[in-house]
């Protein structure tokens, strides 16, 4: 049990038997009345985001979520196999648990797996990853009709827009939250 005054981003709450992760919260004192805590909660399994308001000092159940650094090994057809970097235990995550993170996973990538009662809940990737471009059209000097970007295919199969000067075979840094190009990686 925790008070709504103790909420933090990333905390997982157990509300009516469902797990919700706190994405954002704000203490609000209206002109009249008691202080309230406004929150944006994301359902851990479905990804649905809702706004919920609690009275200040309301008690809420917190879920015990174990976050473990795990190394991605391979995709076996049924799911993605990860290995705990401390105990060397292996765990297979289903495709819906991995979600969009599969677009950034290469063998030996280390990510954080959130586990509740031995069930994997979700996968947290690093904020950015370095991936190689397997194909992109050559950029034409003076071609600025597309705002100076062109599509590029990464080694994982994901497509991102990159600046015209990027060529096939280069490594780039990609934001895993938005899927946007961040920078070129120097060798």
Protein backbone atom coordinates (compact mmCIF):
# COMPACT_ATOMS: atom_id res chain seq x y z
CA UNK A 1 0.00 0.00 0.00
CA UNK A 2 1.14 3.50 -0.81
CA UNK A 3 -0.35 6.93 -0.60
CA UNK A 4 -1.13 8.87 -3.77
CA UNK A 5 1.32 11.46 -2.44
CA UNK A 6 4.10 8.86 -2.93
CA UNK A 7 3.43 8.22 -6.64
CA UNK A 8 6.40 8.22 -9.02
CA UNK A 9 6.67 7.82 -12.79
CA UNK A 10 7.13 4.16 -13.69
CA UNK A 11 5.47 2.88 -10.50
CA UNK A 12 3.00 0.02 -11.13
CA UNK A 13 -0.34 0.11 -9.32
CA UNK A 14 -2.80 -2.73 -8.76
CA UNK A 15 -6.24 -1.18 -9.24
CA UNK A 16 -9.19 -3.59 -9.08
CA UNK A 17 -6.95 -6.53 -10.01
CA UNK A 18 -5.50 -4.78 -13.07
CA UNK A 19 -1.93 -3.51 -13.37
CA UNK A 20 -1.44 0.14 -14.38
CA UNK A 21 1.88 1.95 -14.79
CA UNK A 22 2.09 5.63 -13.78
CA UNK A 23 3.13 7.63 -16.86
CA UNK A 24 2.60 11.10 -15.39
CA UNK A 25 1.21 12.63 -12.21
CA UNK A 26 0.53 16.09 -10.82
CA UNK A 27 -0.63 17.38 -7.46
CA UNK A 28 -3.40 19.92 -7.97
CA UNK A 29 -4.92 22.31 -5.42
CA UNK A 30 -8.13 23.83 -6.78
CA UNK A 31 -9.33 27.18 -5.43
CA UNK A 32 -11.90 25.43 -3.26
CA UNK A 33 -11.79 21.90 -1.97
CA UNK A 34 -9.13 19.35 -1.21
CA UNK A 35 -5.89 18.66 -3.02
CA UNK A 36 -6.14 15.98 -5.71
CA UNK A 37 -3.57 13.98 -7.64
CA UNK A 38 -4.11 13.81 -11.39
CA UNK A 39 -2.49 10.85 -13.13
CA UNK A 40 -2.05 9.36 -16.58
CA UNK A 41 -2.03 5.57 -16.22
CA UNK A 42 -1.07 2.99 -18.86
CA UNK A 43 -2.54 -0.51 -18.67
CA UNK A 44 0.46 -2.84 -18.51
CA UNK A 45 -0.98 -5.58 -20.74
CA UNK A 46 -3.13 -3.70 -23.28
CA UNK A 47 -1.23 -0.39 -23.46
CA UNK A 48 -4.46 1.60 -23.02
CA UNK A 49 -3.83 5.02 -21.42
CA UNK A 50 -6.41 6.64 -19.11
CA UNK A 51 -6.57 9.76 -16.97
CA UNK A 52 -7.50 9.14 -13.34
CA UNK A 53 -7.83 11.56 -10.46
CA UNK A 54 -7.31 10.53 -6.84
CA UNK A 55 -8.00 12.46 -3.64
CA UNK A 56 -4.80 13.40 -1.87
CA UNK A 57 -3.62 10.81 0.69
CA UNK A 58 -5.78 8.03 -0.83
CA UNK A 59 -4.23 4.58 -0.31
CA UNK A 60 -3.51 2.58 -3.47
CA UNK A 61 -2.13 -0.94 -3.91
CA UNK A 62 1.29 -1.11 -5.51
CA UNK A 63 2.34 -4.16 -7.49
CA UNK A 64 5.75 -5.69 -6.92
CA UNK A 65 7.43 -5.53 -10.30
CA UNK A 66 10.91 -6.96 -10.66
CA UNK A 67 12.96 -5.25 -13.38
CA UNK A 68 15.79 -7.41 -14.68
CA UNK A 69 18.45 -6.67 -17.27
CA UNK A 70 18.20 -9.42 -19.85
CA UNK A 71 20.16 -10.13 -23.01
CA UNK A 72 18.28 -10.93 -26.23
CA UNK A 73 19.48 -14.24 -27.67
CA UNK A 74 17.24 -15.20 -30.62
CA UNK A 75 13.70 -15.47 -32.02
CA UNK A 76 12.52 -19.09 -31.94
CA UNK A 77 9.22 -18.78 -33.84
CA UNK A 78 7.10 -18.85 -30.66
CA UNK A 79 8.67 -15.80 -29.09
CA UNK A 80 11.84 -13.94 -28.21
CA UNK A 81 14.35 -15.74 -25.98
CA UNK A 82 16.12 -13.61 -23.36
CA UNK A 83 18.77 -14.56 -20.80
CA UNK A 84 19.03 -13.01 -17.33
CA UNK A 85 22.49 -11.41 -17.19
CA UNK A 86 22.99 -12.31 -13.51
CA UNK A 87 21.48 -15.81 -13.12
CA UNK A 88 21.80 -16.96 -16.77
CA UNK A 89 18.20 -18.24 -16.67
CA UNK A 90 16.42 -18.09 -20.02
CA UNK A 91 12.90 -16.79 -20.58
CA UNK A 92 10.79 -16.69 -23.75
CA UNK A 93 8.72 -13.53 -24.18
CA UNK A 94 5.67 -13.69 -26.44
CA UNK A 95 5.56 -11.32 -29.42
CA UNK A 96 2.78 -9.15 -27.92
CA UNK A 97 4.88 -8.57 -24.76
CA UNK A 98 7.88 -7.45 -26.84
CA UNK A 99 5.69 -5.22 -29.05
CA UNK A 100 7.41 -2.56 -31.17
CA UNK A 101 10.74 -3.22 -29.45
CA UNK A 102 11.27 -6.07 -31.95
CA UNK A 103 12.14 -3.39 -34.53
CA UNK A 104 15.27 -2.54 -32.52
CA UNK A 105 16.36 -5.96 -31.23
CA UNK A 106 19.63 -7.45 -32.39
CA UNK A 107 21.29 -10.49 -30.87
CA UNK A 108 23.08 -9.63 -27.59
CA UNK A 109 21.05 -6.44 -27.07
CA UNK A 110 20.46 -5.84 -23.34
CA UNK A 111 16.99 -4.64 -22.36
CA UNK A 112 15.00 -4.47 -19.14
CA UNK A 113 12.20 -6.99 -18.65
CA UNK A 114 9.52 -6.15 -16.08
CA UNK A 115 8.25 -9.28 -14.29
CA UNK A 116 5.28 -9.60 -11.90
CA UNK A 117 4.63 -12.96 -10.19
CA UNK A 118 6.88 -14.79 -12.71
CA UNK A 119 4.94 -13.34 -15.66
CA UNK A 120 6.77 -10.97 -18.04
CA UNK A 121 4.76 -7.76 -18.36
CA UNK A 122 6.68 -5.56 -20.79
CA UNK A 123 10.08 -4.86 -22.27
CA UNK A 124 11.92 -1.57 -21.77
CA UNK A 125 14.51 -0.78 -24.43
CA UNK A 126 17.36 1.69 -23.96
CA UNK A 127 16.40 5.21 -25.09
CA UNK A 128 18.46 4.79 -28.27
CA UNK A 129 20.16 2.00 -30.19
CA UNK A 130 22.84 1.89 -32.89
CA UNK A 131 21.80 0.06 -36.05
CA UNK A 132 23.33 -0.35 -39.50
CA UNK A 133 21.56 0.78 -42.65
CA UNK A 134 21.18 -2.12 -45.09
CA UNK A 135 19.65 -0.07 -47.92
CA UNK A 136 18.94 3.52 -48.81
CA UNK A 137 18.75 5.39 -52.10
CA UNK A 138 21.69 7.68 -52.86
CA UNK A 139 20.91 11.30 -51.91
CA UNK A 140 20.91 13.75 -54.79
CA UNK A 141 22.60 17.09 -54.24
CA UNK A 142 20.03 19.85 -54.39
CA UNK A 143 17.06 17.52 -53.80
CA UNK A 144 15.27 19.29 -50.98
CA UNK A 145 11.68 18.59 -51.99
CA UNK A 146 11.30 16.04 -49.17
CA UNK A 147 12.71 18.29 -46.45
CA UNK A 148 16.15 16.79 -46.71
CA UNK A 149 15.25 13.22 -45.68
CA UNK A 150 14.89 9.87 -47.42
CA UNK A 151 13.73 6.41 -46.29
CA UNK A 152 16.34 3.90 -45.10
CA UNK A 153 16.00 0.23 -44.14
CA UNK A 154 17.78 -0.87 -40.95
CA UNK A 155 19.35 -4.27 -40.30
CA UNK A 156 16.26 -5.26 -38.28
CA UNK A 157 13.95 -4.48 -41.24
CA UNK A 158 12.54 -1.27 -39.73
CA UNK A 159 12.32 1.76 -42.02
CA UNK A 160 13.26 5.24 -40.79
CA UNK A 161 13.75 8.61 -42.44
CA UNK A 162 17.37 9.77 -42.52
CA UNK A 163 19.14 12.88 -43.87
CA UNK A 164 20.23 12.80 -47.52
CA UNK A 165 23.96 12.45 -46.69
CA UNK A 166 23.51 9.03 -44.99
CA UNK A 167 24.58 6.07 -47.16
CA UNK A 168 24.09 2.28 -47.13
CA UNK A 169 26.41 0.53 -44.65
CA UNK A 170 26.60 3.41 -42.15
CA UNK A 171 25.60 3.02 -38.51
CA UNK A 172 23.06 5.44 -37.09
CA UNK A 173 21.55 6.08 -33.67
CA UNK A 174 17.75 5.66 -33.54
CA UNK A 175 15.37 6.76 -30.76
CA UNK A 176 13.48 3.62 -29.62
CA UNK A 177 10.53 5.63 -28.26
CA UNK A 178 9.74 7.55 -31.45
CA UNK A 179 11.57 5.58 -34.14
CA UNK A 180 13.33 8.72 -35.36
CA UNK A 181 16.90 9.17 -36.60
CA UNK A 182 19.10 10.84 -33.98
CA UNK A 183 22.63 10.92 -35.37
CA UNK A 184 25.31 9.21 -37.38
CA UNK A 185 27.62 6.94 -35.37
CA UNK A 186 31.29 7.71 -35.99
CA UNK A 187 33.64 4.76 -36.33
